[in-house]
């Protein structure tokens, strides 16, 4: 059986091409992404720190989403 460690939490997961995270971490990422997008829509001039404080999303996650072009920011 092909297993791998989740990039997010380190737990074992089934190895699938293109999937670096387990289902729980993917769900958490999806929730964080939704929170970020909703906050930016309501506050278009918000900084990363504002998003972190008000939406409760870790700064590293915000930077990762911006770097991966999953969030259009300014």
N, C-alpha and C. Protein backbone atom coordinates (compact mmCIF):
# COMPACT_ATOMS: atom_id res chain seq x y z
N UNK A 1 0.85 -1.17 0.00
CA UNK A 1 0.00 0.00 0.00
C UNK A 1 0.90 1.25 0.00
N UNK A 2 0.64 2.17 -0.89
CA UNK A 2 1.42 3.40 -0.96
C UNK A 2 0.88 4.42 0.03
N UNK A 3 1.70 4.75 1.00
CA UNK A 3 1.34 5.77 1.98
C UNK A 3 2.41 6.84 1.99
N UNK A 4 2.02 8.01 2.48
CA UNK A 4 2.90 9.16 2.53
C UNK A 4 2.50 9.98 3.74
N UNK A 5 3.35 10.90 4.14
CA UNK A 5 3.02 11.80 5.23
C UNK A 5 2.38 13.07 4.68
N UNK A 6 1.37 13.56 5.40
CA UNK A 6 0.70 14.81 5.05
C UNK A 6 1.68 15.96 5.25
N UNK A 7 1.73 16.87 4.29
CA UNK A 7 2.61 18.04 4.37
C UNK A 7 2.17 18.99 5.48
N UNK A 8 0.90 18.96 5.83
CA UNK A 8 0.37 19.87 6.84
C UNK A 8 0.55 19.38 8.26
N UNK A 9 0.11 18.15 8.54
CA UNK A 9 0.10 17.67 9.92
C UNK A 9 1.06 16.51 10.17
N UNK A 10 1.56 15.89 9.11
CA UNK A 10 2.52 14.80 9.26
C UNK A 10 1.90 13.42 9.42
N UNK A 11 0.57 13.34 9.49
CA UNK A 11 -0.08 12.04 9.61
C UNK A 11 0.06 11.24 8.32
N UNK A 12 -0.07 9.93 8.44
CA UNK A 12 -0.03 9.08 7.26
C UNK A 12 -1.31 9.24 6.45
N UNK A 13 -1.15 9.21 5.14
CA UNK A 13 -2.28 9.31 4.22
C UNK A 13 -1.96 8.45 3.01
N UNK A 14 -2.97 8.10 2.25
CA UNK A 14 -2.73 7.38 1.02
C UNK A 14 -2.05 8.30 0.01
N UNK A 15 -1.06 7.77 -0.66
CA UNK A 15 -0.32 8.56 -1.63
C UNK A 15 -1.12 8.67 -2.92
N UNK A 16 -1.42 9.91 -3.32
CA UNK A 16 -2.13 10.18 -4.57
C UNK A 16 -1.36 11.26 -5.31
N UNK A 17 -1.20 11.11 -6.61
CA UNK A 17 -0.49 12.14 -7.37
C UNK A 17 -1.15 13.51 -7.22
N UNK A 18 -0.35 14.50 -6.87
CA UNK A 18 -0.85 15.87 -6.76
C UNK A 18 -1.51 16.21 -5.43
N UNK A 19 -1.64 15.24 -4.52
CA UNK A 19 -2.25 15.47 -3.22
C UNK A 19 -1.16 15.42 -2.14
N UNK A 20 -0.82 16.57 -1.59
CA UNK A 20 0.21 16.63 -0.56
C UNK A 20 -0.36 16.60 0.84
N UNK A 21 -1.69 16.85 0.97
CA UNK A 21 -2.31 16.99 2.27
C UNK A 21 -3.38 15.92 2.49
N UNK A 22 -3.62 15.59 3.76
CA UNK A 22 -4.70 14.67 4.10
C UNK A 22 -6.04 15.39 3.96
N UNK A 23 -7.12 14.65 4.06
CA UNK A 23 -8.46 15.23 3.88
C UNK A 23 -8.75 16.31 4.92
N UNK A 24 -8.32 16.10 6.17
CA UNK A 24 -8.56 17.10 7.22
C UNK A 24 -7.83 18.40 6.93
N UNK A 25 -6.58 18.32 6.51
CA UNK A 25 -5.81 19.52 6.21
C UNK A 25 -6.35 20.23 4.96
N UNK A 26 -6.80 19.44 3.99
CA UNK A 26 -7.38 20.06 2.79
C UNK A 26 -8.66 20.80 3.14
N UNK A 27 -9.45 20.24 4.05
CA UNK A 27 -10.67 20.90 4.49
C UNK A 27 -10.35 22.19 5.24
N UNK A 28 -9.33 22.15 6.10
CA UNK A 28 -8.92 23.35 6.84
C UNK A 28 -8.41 24.41 5.88
N UNK A 29 -7.65 24.01 4.87
CA UNK A 29 -7.16 24.96 3.88
C UNK A 29 -8.31 25.60 3.12
N UNK A 30 -9.28 24.80 2.78
CA UNK A 30 -10.45 25.32 2.07
C UNK A 30 -11.19 26.34 2.91
N UNK A 31 -11.34 26.06 4.20
CA UNK A 31 -11.99 27.01 5.11
C UNK A 31 -11.19 28.30 5.22
N UNK A 32 -9.86 28.18 5.37
CA UNK A 32 -9.01 29.36 5.46
C UNK A 32 -9.09 30.20 4.19
N UNK A 33 -9.08 29.54 3.05
CA UNK A 33 -9.15 30.25 1.78
C UNK A 33 -10.47 31.01 1.65
N UNK A 34 -11.57 30.37 2.07
CA UNK A 34 -12.88 31.01 2.04
C UNK A 34 -12.90 32.25 2.95
N UNK A 35 -12.34 32.12 4.16
CA UNK A 35 -12.29 33.24 5.10
C UNK A 35 -11.49 34.41 4.52
N UNK A 36 -10.35 34.10 3.91
CA UNK A 36 -9.51 35.14 3.32
C UNK A 36 -10.25 35.87 2.21
N UNK A 37 -10.84 35.11 1.30
CA UNK A 37 -11.53 35.73 0.15
C UNK A 37 -12.71 36.58 0.62
N UNK A 38 -13.46 36.09 1.58
CA UNK A 38 -14.59 36.87 2.10
C UNK A 38 -14.11 38.16 2.76
N UNK A 39 -13.04 38.08 3.53
CA UNK A 39 -12.52 39.27 4.21
C UNK A 39 -12.00 40.29 3.20
N UNK A 40 -11.29 39.83 2.18
CA UNK A 40 -10.75 40.75 1.17
C UNK A 40 -11.88 41.41 0.38
N UNK A 41 -12.95 40.67 0.12
CA UNK A 41 -14.09 41.27 -0.59
C UNK A 41 -14.72 42.40 0.22
N UNK A 42 -14.81 42.22 1.54
CA UNK A 42 -15.39 43.25 2.40
C UNK A 42 -14.42 44.37 2.72
N UNK A 43 -13.12 44.06 2.71
CA UNK A 43 -12.08 45.03 3.08
C UNK A 43 -10.95 44.99 2.04
N UNK A 44 -11.16 45.58 0.88
CA UNK A 44 -10.19 45.45 -0.21
C UNK A 44 -8.81 46.07 0.09
N UNK A 45 -8.72 46.96 1.04
CA UNK A 45 -7.43 47.58 1.35
C UNK A 45 -6.76 46.95 2.58
N UNK A 46 -7.25 45.81 3.01
CA UNK A 46 -6.71 45.14 4.19
C UNK A 46 -5.28 44.65 3.94
N UNK A 47 -4.49 44.68 4.99
CA UNK A 47 -3.14 44.14 4.93
C UNK A 47 -3.18 42.67 5.33
N UNK A 48 -2.07 41.99 5.13
CA UNK A 48 -1.97 40.59 5.53
C UNK A 48 -2.19 40.48 7.04
N UNK A 49 -1.65 41.41 7.79
CA UNK A 49 -1.82 41.39 9.24
C UNK A 49 -3.29 41.59 9.63
N UNK A 50 -3.99 42.47 8.92
CA UNK A 50 -5.42 42.67 9.17
C UNK A 50 -6.19 41.37 8.93
N UNK A 51 -5.88 40.71 7.82
CA UNK A 51 -6.56 39.46 7.48
C UNK A 51 -6.29 38.41 8.56
N UNK A 52 -5.03 38.33 8.98
CA UNK A 52 -4.65 37.38 10.03
C UNK A 52 -5.43 37.64 11.31
N UNK A 53 -5.45 38.88 11.73
CA UNK A 53 -6.12 39.23 13.00
C UNK A 53 -7.63 39.03 12.95
N UNK A 54 -8.25 39.47 11.89
CA UNK A 54 -9.71 39.48 11.82
C UNK A 54 -10.31 38.17 11.32
N UNK A 55 -9.63 37.49 10.41
CA UNK A 55 -10.17 36.24 9.86
C UNK A 55 -9.65 35.02 10.61
N UNK A 56 -8.58 35.22 11.40
CA UNK A 56 -8.04 34.11 12.17
C UNK A 56 -7.25 33.10 11.37
N UNK A 57 -6.69 33.54 10.26
CA UNK A 57 -5.91 32.65 9.39
C UNK A 57 -4.42 32.90 9.63
N UNK A 58 -3.62 31.86 9.79
CA UNK A 58 -2.18 32.06 10.01
C UNK A 58 -1.53 32.85 8.87
N UNK A 59 -0.58 33.69 9.23
CA UNK A 59 0.11 34.53 8.24
C UNK A 59 0.78 33.66 7.18
N UNK A 60 1.41 32.57 7.60
CA UNK A 60 2.08 31.70 6.63
C UNK A 60 1.08 31.17 5.60
N UNK A 61 -0.12 30.81 6.04
CA UNK A 61 -1.15 30.30 5.12
C UNK A 61 -1.55 31.39 4.13
N UNK A 62 -1.69 32.63 4.60
CA UNK A 62 -2.04 33.74 3.71
C UNK A 62 -0.96 33.92 2.66
N UNK A 63 0.30 33.93 3.09
CA UNK A 63 1.42 34.08 2.14
C UNK A 63 1.47 32.93 1.15
N UNK A 64 1.21 31.70 1.63
CA UNK A 64 1.21 30.53 0.73
C UNK A 64 0.12 30.66 -0.33
N UNK A 65 -1.08 31.09 0.07
CA UNK A 65 -2.18 31.26 -0.89
C UNK A 65 -1.85 32.34 -1.92
N UNK A 66 -1.21 33.42 -1.48
CA UNK A 66 -0.84 34.50 -2.41
C UNK A 66 0.23 33.98 -3.37
N UNK A 67 1.24 33.31 -2.83
CA UNK A 67 2.34 32.79 -3.65
C UNK A 67 1.83 31.78 -4.68
N UNK A 68 0.86 30.96 -4.29
CA UNK A 68 0.32 29.94 -5.19
C UNK A 68 -0.78 30.48 -6.10
N UNK A 69 -1.00 31.79 -6.09
CA UNK A 69 -2.03 32.47 -6.91
C UNK A 69 -3.43 31.96 -6.63
N UNK A 70 -3.69 31.54 -5.42
CA UNK A 70 -5.04 31.11 -5.04
C UNK A 70 -5.84 32.30 -4.50
N UNK A 71 -5.12 33.39 -4.16
CA UNK A 71 -5.76 34.62 -3.69
C UNK A 71 -5.16 35.76 -4.50
N UNK A 72 -6.04 36.57 -5.07
CA UNK A 72 -5.59 37.78 -5.77
C UNK A 72 -5.58 38.90 -4.74
N UNK A 73 -4.42 39.44 -4.49
CA UNK A 73 -4.27 40.43 -3.43
C UNK A 73 -3.63 41.67 -4.02
N UNK A 74 -4.39 42.75 -3.97
CA UNK A 74 -3.99 44.07 -4.47
C UNK A 74 -3.49 43.96 -5.85
